[in-house]
Amino acid sequence: IILYCGGGFRSALVADNLQKMGYTNVSSMDGGYSGWVKA
C-alpha cells in the first residue's frame, strides 16, 4: 500500500496508524499529489 496526500505529511500519519493496525507493507509517497502533478 502506497499512501499519498498533498505533499506527504498526512499520508505519513496514516502510514503510521496502518502499521499499528497490522499492515506490514505500507509506505508514504513523499512529494504527494503536488509532486506528481509537478512531474
ModelCIF file with pLDDT and N, C-alpha, C, O atoms, coordinates in Angstrom:
data_MODEL
#
_entry.id   MODEL 
#
_entity.id                         1 
_entity.type                       polymer 
_entity.pdbx_number_of_molecules   1 
#
_entity_poly.entity_id                      1 
_entity_poly.type                           'polypeptide(L)' 
_entity_poly.nstd_linkage                   no 
_entity_poly.nstd_monomer                   no 
_entity_poly.pdbx_seq_one_letter_code       IILYCGGGFRSALVADNLQKMGYTNVSSMDGGYSGWVKA 
_entity_poly.pdbx_seq_one_letter_code_can   IILYCGGGFRSALVADNLQKMGYTNVSSMDGGYSGWVKA 
_entity_poly.pdbx_strand_id                 A 
#
loop_
_entity_poly_seq.entity_id 
_entity_poly_seq.num 
_entity_poly_seq.mon_id 
_entity_poly_seq.hetero 
1 1  ILE n 
1 2  ILE n 
1 3  LEU n 
1 4  TYR n 
1 5  CYS n 
1 6  GLY n 
1 7  GLY n 
1 8  GLY n 
1 9  PHE n 
1 10 ARG n 
1 11 SER n 
1 12 ALA n 
1 13 LEU n 
1 14 VAL n 
1 15 ALA n 
1 16 ASP n 
1 17 ASN n 
1 18 LEU n 
1 19 GLN n 
1 20 LYS n 
1 21 MET n 
1 22 GLY n 
1 23 TYR n 
1 24 THR n 
1 25 ASN n 
1 26 VAL n 
1 27 SER n 
1 28 SER n 
1 29 MET n 
1 30 ASP n 
1 31 GLY n 
1 32 GLY n 
1 33 TYR n 
1 34 SER n 
1 35 GLY n 
1 36 TRP n 
1 37 VAL n 
1 38 LYS n 
1 39 ALA n 
#
_struct_asym.id          A 
_struct_asym.entity_id   1 
#
loop_
_ma_qa_metric.id 
_ma_qa_metric.mode 
_ma_qa_metric.name 
_ma_qa_metric.software_group_id 
_ma_qa_metric.type 
1 global pLDDT . pLDDT 
2 local  pLDDT . pLDDT 
#
_ma_qa_metric_global.metric_id      1 
_ma_qa_metric_global.metric_value   97.33 
_ma_qa_metric_global.model_id       1 
_ma_qa_metric_global.ordinal_id     1 
#
loop_
_ma_qa_metric_local.label_asym_id 
_ma_qa_metric_local.label_comp_id 
_ma_qa_metric_local.label_seq_id 
_ma_qa_metric_local.metric_id 
_ma_qa_metric_local.metric_value 
_ma_qa_metric_local.model_id 
_ma_qa_metric_local.ordinal_id 
A ILE 1  2 98.00 1 1  
A ILE 2  2 98.00 1 2  
A LEU 3  2 98.00 1 3  
A TYR 4  2 98.00 1 4  
A CYS 5  2 97.00 1 5  
A GLY 6  2 96.00 1 6  
A GLY 7  2 95.00 1 7  
A GLY 8  2 94.00 1 8  
A PHE 9  2 95.00 1 9  
A ARG 10 2 97.00 1 10 
A SER 11 2 98.00 1 11 
A ALA 12 2 98.00 1 12 
A LEU 13 2 97.00 1 13 
A VAL 14 2 98.00 1 14 
A ALA 15 2 98.00 1 15 
A ASP 16 2 98.00 1 16 
A ASN 17 2 98.00 1 17 
A LEU 18 2 98.00 1 18 
A GLN 19 2 98.00 1 19 
A LYS 20 2 97.00 1 20 
A MET 21 2 98.00 1 21 
A GLY 22 2 98.00 1 22 
A TYR 23 2 98.00 1 23 
A THR 24 2 98.00 1 24 
A ASN 25 2 98.00 1 25 
A VAL 26 2 98.00 1 26 
A SER 27 2 98.00 1 27 
A SER 28 2 98.00 1 28 
A MET 29 2 98.00 1 29 
A ASP 30 2 96.00 1 30 
A GLY 31 2 96.00 1 31 
A GLY 32 2 97.00 1 32 
A TYR 33 2 98.00 1 33 
A SER 34 2 97.00 1 34 
A GLY 35 2 97.00 1 35 
A TRP 36 2 98.00 1 36 
A VAL 37 2 97.00 1 37 
A LYS 38 2 97.00 1 38 
A ALA 39 2 97.00 1 39 
#
loop_
_atom_site.group_PDB 
_atom_site.id 
_atom_site.type_symbol 
_atom_site.label_atom_id 
_atom_site.label_alt_id 
_atom_site.label_comp_id 
_atom_site.label_asym_id 
_atom_site.label_entity_id 
_atom_site.label_seq_id 
_atom_site.pdbx_PDB_ins_code 
_atom_site.Cartn_x 
_atom_site.Cartn_y 
_atom_site.Cartn_z 
_atom_site.occupancy 
_atom_site.B_iso_or_equiv 
_atom_site.pdbx_formal_charge 
_atom_site.auth_seq_id 
_atom_site.auth_comp_id 
_atom_site.auth_asym_id 
_atom_site.auth_atom_id 
_atom_site.pdbx_PDB_model_num 
ATOM 1   N N  . ILE A 1 1  ? 0.856  -1.178 0.000   1.00 98.00 ? 1  ILE A N  1 
ATOM 2   C CA . ILE A 1 1  ? 0.000  0.000  0.000   1.00 98.00 ? 1  ILE A CA 1 
ATOM 3   C C  . ILE A 1 1  ? 0.895  1.231  0.000   1.00 98.00 ? 1  ILE A C  1 
ATOM 4   O O  . ILE A 1 1  ? 1.752  1.392  0.869   1.00 98.00 ? 1  ILE A O  1 
ATOM 5   N N  . ILE A 1 2  ? 0.684  2.092  -0.980  1.00 98.00 ? 2  ILE A N  1 
ATOM 6   C CA . ILE A 1 2  ? 1.382  3.374  -1.017  1.00 98.00 ? 2  ILE A CA 1 
ATOM 7   C C  . ILE A 1 2  ? 0.324  4.452  -0.831  1.00 98.00 ? 2  ILE A C  1 
ATOM 8   O O  . ILE A 1 2  ? -0.658 4.521  -1.570  1.00 98.00 ? 2  ILE A O  1 
ATOM 9   N N  . LEU A 1 3  ? 0.547  5.285  0.168   1.00 98.00 ? 3  LEU A N  1 
ATOM 10  C CA . LEU A 1 3  ? -0.396 6.343  0.528   1.00 98.00 ? 3  LEU A CA 1 
ATOM 11  C C  . LEU A 1 3  ? 0.121  7.678  0.026   1.00 98.00 ? 3  LEU A C  1 
ATOM 12  O O  . LEU A 1 3  ? 1.326  7.927  0.037   1.00 98.00 ? 3  LEU A O  1 
ATOM 13  N N  . TYR A 1 4  ? -0.790 8.537  -0.413  1.00 98.00 ? 4  TYR A N  1 
ATOM 14  C CA . TYR A 1 4  ? -0.369 9.895  -0.735  1.00 98.00 ? 4  TYR A CA 1 
ATOM 15  C C  . TYR A 1 4  ? -1.422 10.902 -0.323  1.00 98.00 ? 4  TYR A C  1 
ATOM 16  O O  . TYR A 1 4  ? -2.610 10.595 -0.230  1.00 98.00 ? 4  TYR A O  1 
ATOM 17  N N  . CYS A 1 5  ? -0.946 12.123 -0.076  1.00 97.00 ? 5  CYS A N  1 
ATOM 18  C CA . CYS A 1 5  ? -1.809 13.257 0.234   1.00 97.00 ? 5  CYS A CA 1 
ATOM 19  C C  . CYS A 1 5  ? -1.324 14.407 -0.640  1.00 97.00 ? 5  CYS A C  1 
ATOM 20  O O  . CYS A 1 5  ? -0.856 14.177 -1.756  1.00 97.00 ? 5  CYS A O  1 
ATOM 21  N N  . GLY A 1 6  ? -1.425 15.620 -0.161  1.00 96.00 ? 6  GLY A N  1 
ATOM 22  C CA . GLY A 1 6  ? -0.981 16.757 -0.958  1.00 96.00 ? 6  GLY A CA 1 
ATOM 23  C C  . GLY A 1 6  ? 0.530  16.841 -1.098  1.00 96.00 ? 6  GLY A C  1 
ATOM 24  O O  . GLY A 1 6  ? 1.047  17.160 -2.168  1.00 96.00 ? 6  GLY A O  1 
ATOM 25  N N  . GLY A 1 7  ? 1.245  16.548 0.006   1.00 95.00 ? 7  GLY A N  1 
ATOM 26  C CA . GLY A 1 7  ? 2.693  16.684 -0.030  1.00 95.00 ? 7  GLY A CA 1 
ATOM 27  C C  . GLY A 1 7  ? 3.470  15.596 0.680   1.00 95.00 ? 7  GLY A C  1 
ATOM 28  O O  . GLY A 1 7  ? 4.698  15.568 0.597   1.00 95.00 ? 7  GLY A O  1 
ATOM 29  N N  . GLY A 1 8  ? 2.788  14.697 1.380   1.00 94.00 ? 8  GLY A N  1 
ATOM 30  C CA . GLY A 1 8  ? 3.479  13.602 2.057   1.00 94.00 ? 8  GLY A CA 1 
ATOM 31  C C  . GLY A 1 8  ? 3.478  13.704 3.569   1.00 94.00 ? 8  GLY A C  1 
ATOM 32  O O  . GLY A 1 8  ? 4.181  12.947 4.239   1.00 94.00 ? 8  GLY A O  1 
ATOM 33  N N  . PHE A 1 9  ? 2.701  14.629 4.120   1.00 95.00 ? 9  PHE A N  1 
ATOM 34  C CA . PHE A 1 9  ? 2.634  14.794 5.570   1.00 95.00 ? 9  PHE A CA 1 
ATOM 35  C C  . PHE A 1 9  ? 1.491  13.973 6.168   1.00 95.00 ? 9  PHE A C  1 
ATOM 36  O O  . PHE A 1 9  ? 1.718  13.134 7.040   1.00 95.00 ? 9  PHE A O  1 
ATOM 37  N N  . ARG A 1 10 ? 0.279  14.211 5.707   1.00 97.00 ? 10 ARG A N  1 
ATOM 38  C CA . ARG A 1 10 ? -0.877 13.460 6.217   1.00 97.00 ? 10 ARG A CA 1 
ATOM 39  C C  . ARG A 1 10 ? -0.726 11.972 5.923   1.00 97.00 ? 10 ARG A C  1 
ATOM 40  O O  . ARG A 1 10 ? -1.101 11.135 6.744   1.00 97.00 ? 10 ARG A O  1 
ATOM 41  N N  . SER A 1 11 ? -0.179 11.638 4.756   1.00 98.00 ? 11 SER A N  1 
ATOM 42  C CA . SER A 1 11 ? -0.010 10.218 4.408   1.00 98.00 ? 11 SER A CA 1 
ATOM 43  C C  . SER A 1 11 ? 0.991  9.533  5.340   1.00 98.00 ? 11 SER A C  1 
ATOM 44  O O  . SER A 1 11 ? 0.875  8.332  5.584   1.00 98.00 ? 11 SER A O  1 
ATOM 45  N N  . ALA A 1 12 ? 1.962  10.267 5.859   1.00 98.00 ? 12 ALA A N  1 
ATOM 46  C CA . ALA A 1 12 ? 2.895  9.692  6.838   1.00 98.00 ? 12 ALA A CA 1 
ATOM 47  C C  . ALA A 1 12 ? 2.161  9.329  8.122   1.00 98.00 ? 12 ALA A C  1 
ATOM 48  O O  . ALA A 1 12 ? 2.412  8.278  8.711   1.00 98.00 ? 12 ALA A O  1 
ATOM 49  N N  . LEU A 1 13 ? 1.255  10.202 8.553   1.00 97.00 ? 13 LEU A N  1 
ATOM 50  C CA . LEU A 1 13 ? 0.464  9.916  9.755   1.00 97.00 ? 13 LEU A CA 1 
ATOM 51  C C  . LEU A 1 13 ? -0.404 8.684  9.546   1.00 97.00 ? 13 LEU A C  1 
ATOM 52  O O  . LEU A 1 13 ? -0.520 7.845  10.439  1.00 97.00 ? 13 LEU A O  1 
ATOM 53  N N  . VAL A 1 14 ? -1.015 8.570  8.368   1.00 98.00 ? 14 VAL A N  1 
ATOM 54  C CA . VAL A 1 14 ? -1.865 7.418  8.066   1.00 98.00 ? 14 VAL A CA 1 
ATOM 55  C C  . VAL A 1 14 ? -1.034 6.141  8.011   1.00 98.00 ? 14 VAL A C  1 
ATOM 56  O O  . VAL A 1 14 ? -1.458 5.110  8.532   1.00 98.00 ? 14 VAL A O  1 
ATOM 57  N N  . ALA A 1 15 ? 0.146  6.194  7.385   1.00 98.00 ? 15 ALA A N  1 
ATOM 58  C CA . ALA A 1 15 ? 1.014  5.006  7.300   1.00 98.00 ? 15 ALA A CA 1 
ATOM 59  C C  . ALA A 1 15 ? 1.343  4.496  8.698   1.00 98.00 ? 15 ALA A C  1 
ATOM 60  O O  . ALA A 1 15 ? 1.325  3.289  8.943   1.00 98.00 ? 15 ALA A O  1 
ATOM 61  N N  . ASP A 1 16 ? 1.640  5.405  9.603   1.00 98.00 ? 16 ASP A N  1 
ATOM 62  C CA . ASP A 1 16 ? 1.955  5.031  10.979  1.00 98.00 ? 16 ASP A CA 1 
ATOM 63  C C  . ASP A 1 16 ? 0.770  4.299  11.616  1.00 98.00 ? 16 ASP A C  1 
ATOM 64  O O  . ASP A 1 16 ? 0.954  3.266  12.259  1.00 98.00 ? 16 ASP A O  1 
ATOM 65  N N  . ASN A 1 17 ? -0.426 4.823  11.443  1.00 98.00 ? 17 ASN A N  1 
ATOM 66  C CA . ASN A 1 17 ? -1.610 4.172  12.016  1.00 98.00 ? 17 ASN A CA 1 
ATOM 67  C C  . ASN A 1 17 ? -1.890 2.815  11.382  1.00 98.00 ? 17 ASN A C  1 
ATOM 68  O O  . ASN A 1 17 ? -2.241 1.869  12.087  1.00 98.00 ? 17 ASN A O  1 
ATOM 69  N N  . LEU A 1 18 ? -1.740 2.703  10.059  1.00 98.00 ? 18 LEU A N  1 
ATOM 70  C CA . LEU A 1 18 ? -1.999 1.408  9.414   1.00 98.00 ? 18 LEU A CA 1 
ATOM 71  C C  . LEU A 1 18 ? -1.009 0.355  9.899   1.00 98.00 ? 18 LEU A C  1 
ATOM 72  O O  . LEU A 1 18 ? -1.372 -0.810 10.063  1.00 98.00 ? 18 LEU A O  1 
ATOM 73  N N  . GLN A 1 19 ? 0.232  0.754  10.128  1.00 98.00 ? 19 GLN A N  1 
ATOM 74  C CA . GLN A 1 19 ? 1.209  -0.186 10.680  1.00 98.00 ? 19 GLN A CA 1 
ATOM 75  C C  . GLN A 1 19 ? 0.771  -0.643 12.065  1.00 98.00 ? 19 GLN A C  1 
ATOM 76  O O  . GLN A 1 19 ? 0.906  -1.820 12.401  1.00 98.00 ? 19 GLN A O  1 
ATOM 77  N N  . LYS A 1 20 ? 0.247  0.276  12.871  1.00 97.00 ? 20 LYS A N  1 
ATOM 78  C CA . LYS A 1 20 ? -0.244 -0.090 14.205  1.00 97.00 ? 20 LYS A CA 1 
ATOM 79  C C  . LYS A 1 20 ? -1.405 -1.075 14.106  1.00 97.00 ? 20 LYS A C  1 
ATOM 80  O O  . LYS A 1 20 ? -1.643 -1.857 15.027  1.00 97.00 ? 20 LYS A O  1 
ATOM 81  N N  . MET A 1 21 ? -2.130 -1.035 12.979  1.00 98.00 ? 21 MET A N  1 
ATOM 82  C CA . MET A 1 21 ? -3.254 -1.947 12.752  1.00 98.00 ? 21 MET A CA 1 
ATOM 83  C C  . MET A 1 21 ? -2.819 -3.282 12.156  1.00 98.00 ? 21 MET A C  1 
ATOM 84  O O  . MET A 1 21 ? -3.655 -4.153 11.915  1.00 98.00 ? 21 MET A O  1 
ATOM 85  N N  . GLY A 1 22 ? -1.512 -3.452 11.915  1.00 98.00 ? 22 GLY A N  1 
ATOM 86  C CA . GLY A 1 22 ? -1.007 -4.728 11.423  1.00 98.00 ? 22 GLY A CA 1 
ATOM 87  C C  . GLY A 1 22 ? -0.676 -4.781 9.944   1.00 98.00 ? 22 GLY A C  1 
ATOM 88  O O  . GLY A 1 22 ? -0.281 -5.835 9.444   1.00 98.00 ? 22 GLY A O  1 
ATOM 89  N N  . TYR A 1 23 ? -0.826 -3.672 9.228   1.00 98.00 ? 23 TYR A N  1 
ATOM 90  C CA . TYR A 1 23 ? -0.422 -3.640 7.817   1.00 98.00 ? 23 TYR A CA 1 
ATOM 91  C C  . TYR A 1 23 ? 1.099  -3.544 7.758   1.00 98.00 ? 23 TYR A C  1 
ATOM 92  O O  . TYR A 1 23 ? 1.704  -2.657 8.361   1.00 98.00 ? 23 TYR A O  1 
ATOM 93  N N  . THR A 1 24 ? 1.704  -4.471 7.023   1.00 98.00 ? 24 THR A N  1 
ATOM 94  C CA . THR A 1 24 ? 3.157  -4.636 7.105   1.00 98.00 ? 24 THR A CA 1 
ATOM 95  C C  . THR A 1 24 ? 3.928  -4.084 5.906   1.00 98.00 ? 24 THR A C  1 
ATOM 96  O O  . THR A 1 24 ? 5.158  -4.048 5.932   1.00 98.00 ? 24 THR A O  1 
ATOM 97  N N  . ASN A 1 25 ? 3.226  -3.656 4.859   1.00 98.00 ? 25 ASN A N  1 
ATOM 98  C CA . ASN A 1 25 ? 3.922  -3.219 3.644   1.00 98.00 ? 25 ASN A CA 1 
ATOM 99  C C  . ASN A 1 25 ? 3.349  -1.873 3.182   1.00 98.00 ? 25 ASN A C  1 
ATOM 100 O O  . ASN A 1 25 ? 2.869  -1.734 2.057   1.00 98.00 ? 25 ASN A O  1 
ATOM 101 N N  . VAL A 1 26 ? 3.414  -0.891 4.085   1.00 98.00 ? 26 VAL A N  1 
ATOM 102 C CA . VAL A 1 26 ? 2.822  0.423  3.851   1.00 98.00 ? 26 VAL A CA 1 
ATOM 103 C C  . VAL A 1 26 ? 3.931  1.449  3.711   1.00 98.00 ? 26 VAL A C  1 
ATOM 104 O O  . VAL A 1 26 ? 4.923  1.410  4.438   1.00 98.00 ? 26 VAL A O  1 
ATOM 105 N N  . SER A 1 27 ? 3.757  2.368  2.770   1.00 98.00 ? 27 SER A N  1 
ATOM 106 C CA . SER A 1 27 ? 4.685  3.496  2.678   1.00 98.00 ? 27 SER A CA 1 
ATOM 107 C C  . SER A 1 27 ? 3.924  4.759  2.304   1.00 98.00 ? 27 SER A C  1 
ATOM 108 O O  . SER A 1 27 ? 2.798  4.710  1.808   1.00 98.00 ? 27 SER A O  1 
ATOM 109 N N  . SER A 1 28 ? 4.564  5.880  2.552   1.00 98.00 ? 28 SER A N  1 
ATOM 110 C CA . SER A 1 28 ? 4.015  7.197  2.250   1.00 98.00 ? 28 SER A CA 1 
ATOM 111 C C  . SER A 1 28 ? 4.816  7.790  1.096   1.00 98.00 ? 28 SER A C  1 
ATOM 112 O O  . SER A 1 28 ? 6.045  7.714  1.082   1.00 98.00 ? 28 SER A O  1 
ATOM 113 N N  . MET A 1 29 ? 4.115  8.383  0.128   1.00 98.00 ? 29 MET A N  1 
ATOM 114 C CA . MET A 1 29 ? 4.789  8.971  -1.033  1.00 98.00 ? 29 MET A CA 1 
ATOM 115 C C  . MET A 1 29 ? 5.172  10.414 -0.730  1.00 98.00 ? 29 MET A C  1 
ATOM 116 O O  . MET A 1 29 ? 4.320  11.303 -0.703  1.00 98.00 ? 29 MET A O  1 
ATOM 117 N N  . ASP A 1 30 ? 6.455  10.633 -0.505  1.00 96.00 ? 30 ASP A N  1 
ATOM 118 C CA . ASP A 1 30 ? 6.964  11.978 -0.266  1.00 96.00 ? 30 ASP A CA 1 
ATOM 119 C C  . ASP A 1 30 ? 6.755  12.815 -1.532  1.00 96.00 ? 30 ASP A C  1 
ATOM 120 O O  . ASP A 1 30 ? 6.999  12.342 -2.642  1.00 96.00 ? 30 ASP A O  1 
ATOM 121 N N  . GLY A 1 31 ? 6.312  14.034 -1.361  1.00 96.00 ? 31 GLY A N  1 
ATOM 122 C CA . GLY A 1 31 ? 6.007  14.900 -2.502  1.00 96.00 ? 31 GLY A CA 1 
ATOM 123 C C  . GLY A 1 31 ? 4.531  14.922 -2.823  1.00 96.00 ? 31 GLY A C  1 
ATOM 124 O O  . GLY A 1 31 ? 4.011  15.923 -3.317  1.00 96.00 ? 31 GLY A O  1 
ATOM 125 N N  . GLY A 1 32 ? 3.845  13.805 -2.540  1.00 97.00 ? 32 GLY A N  1 
ATOM 126 C CA . GLY A 1 32 ? 2.403  13.725 -2.690  1.00 97.00 ? 32 GLY A CA 1 
ATOM 127 C C  . GLY A 1 32 ? 1.877  14.099 -4.065  1.00 97.00 ? 32 GLY A C  1 
ATOM 128 O O  . GLY A 1 32 ? 2.589  14.056 -5.068  1.00 97.00 ? 32 GLY A O  1 
ATOM 129 N N  . TYR A 1 33 ? 0.606  14.467 -4.070  1.00 98.00 ? 33 TYR A N  1 
ATOM 130 C CA . TYR A 1 33 ? -0.068 14.805 -5.326  1.00 98.00 ? 33 TYR A CA 1 
ATOM 131 C C  . TYR A 1 33 ? 0.589  16.002 -5.996  1.00 98.00 ? 33 TYR A C  1 
ATOM 132 O O  . TYR A 1 33 ? 0.716  16.031 -7.221  1.00 98.00 ? 33 TYR A O  1 
ATOM 133 N N  . SER A 1 34 ? 1.005  16.982 -5.219  1.00 97.00 ? 34 SER A N  1 
ATOM 134 C CA . SER A 1 34 ? 1.622  18.170 -5.825  1.00 97.00 ? 34 SER A CA 1 
ATOM 135 C C  . SER A 1 34 ? 2.916  17.803 -6.554  1.00 97.00 ? 34 SER A C  1 
ATOM 136 O O  . SER A 1 34 ? 3.200  18.341 -7.624  1.00 97.00 ? 34 SER A O  1 
ATOM 137 N N  . GLY A 1 35 ? 3.699  16.891 -5.979  1.00 97.00 ? 35 GLY A N  1 
ATOM 138 C CA . GLY A 1 35 ? 4.921  16.441 -6.646  1.00 97.00 ? 35 GLY A CA 1 
ATOM 139 C C  . GLY A 1 35 ? 4.631  15.649 -7.908  1.00 97.00 ? 35 GLY A C  1 
ATOM 140 O O  . GLY A 1 35 ? 5.356  15.751 -8.898  1.00 97.00 ? 35 GLY A O  1 
ATOM 141 N N  . TRP A 1 36 ? 3.563  14.859 -7.868  1.00 98.00 ? 36 TRP A N  1 
ATOM 142 C CA . TRP A 1 36 ? 3.145  14.061 -9.029  1.00 98.00 ? 36 TRP A CA 1 
ATOM 143 C C  . TRP A 1 36 ? 2.754  14.979 -10.185 1.00 98.00 ? 36 TRP A C  1 
ATOM 144 O O  . TRP A 1 36 ? 3.178  14.780 -11.324 1.00 98.00 ? 36 TRP A O  1 
ATOM 145 N N  . VAL A 1 37 ? 1.940  15.985 -9.874  1.00 97.00 ? 37 VAL A N  1 
ATOM 146 C CA . VAL A 1 37 ? 1.482  16.940 -10.894 1.00 97.00 ? 37 VAL A CA 1 
ATOM 147 C C  . VAL A 1 37 ? 2.676  17.727 -11.459 1.00 97.00 ? 37 VAL A C  1 
ATOM 148 O O  . VAL A 1 37 ? 2.781  17.928 -12.669 1.00 97.00 ? 37 VAL A O  1 
ATOM 149 N N  . LYS A 1 38 ? 3.560  18.161 -10.576 1.00 97.00 ? 38 LYS A N  1 
ATOM 150 C CA . LYS A 1 38 ? 4.740  18.921 -10.974 1.00 97.00 ? 38 LYS A CA 1 
ATOM 151 C C  . LYS A 1 38 ? 5.612  18.121 -11.943 1.00 97.00 ? 38 LYS A C  1 
ATOM 152 O O  . LYS A 1 38 ? 6.227  18.684 -12.849 1.00 97.00 ? 38 LYS A O  1 
ATOM 153 N N  . ALA A 1 39 ? 5.657  16.780 -11.736 1.00 97.00 ? 39 ALA A N  1 
ATOM 154 C CA . ALA A 1 39 ? 6.437  15.908 -12.613 1.00 97.00 ? 39 ALA A CA 1 
ATOM 155 C C  . ALA A 1 39 ? 5.746  15.656 -13.961 1.00 97.00 ? 39 ALA A C  1 
ATOM 156 O O  . ALA A 1 39 ? 6.283  14.939 -14.805 1.00 97.00 ? 39 ALA A O  1 
#
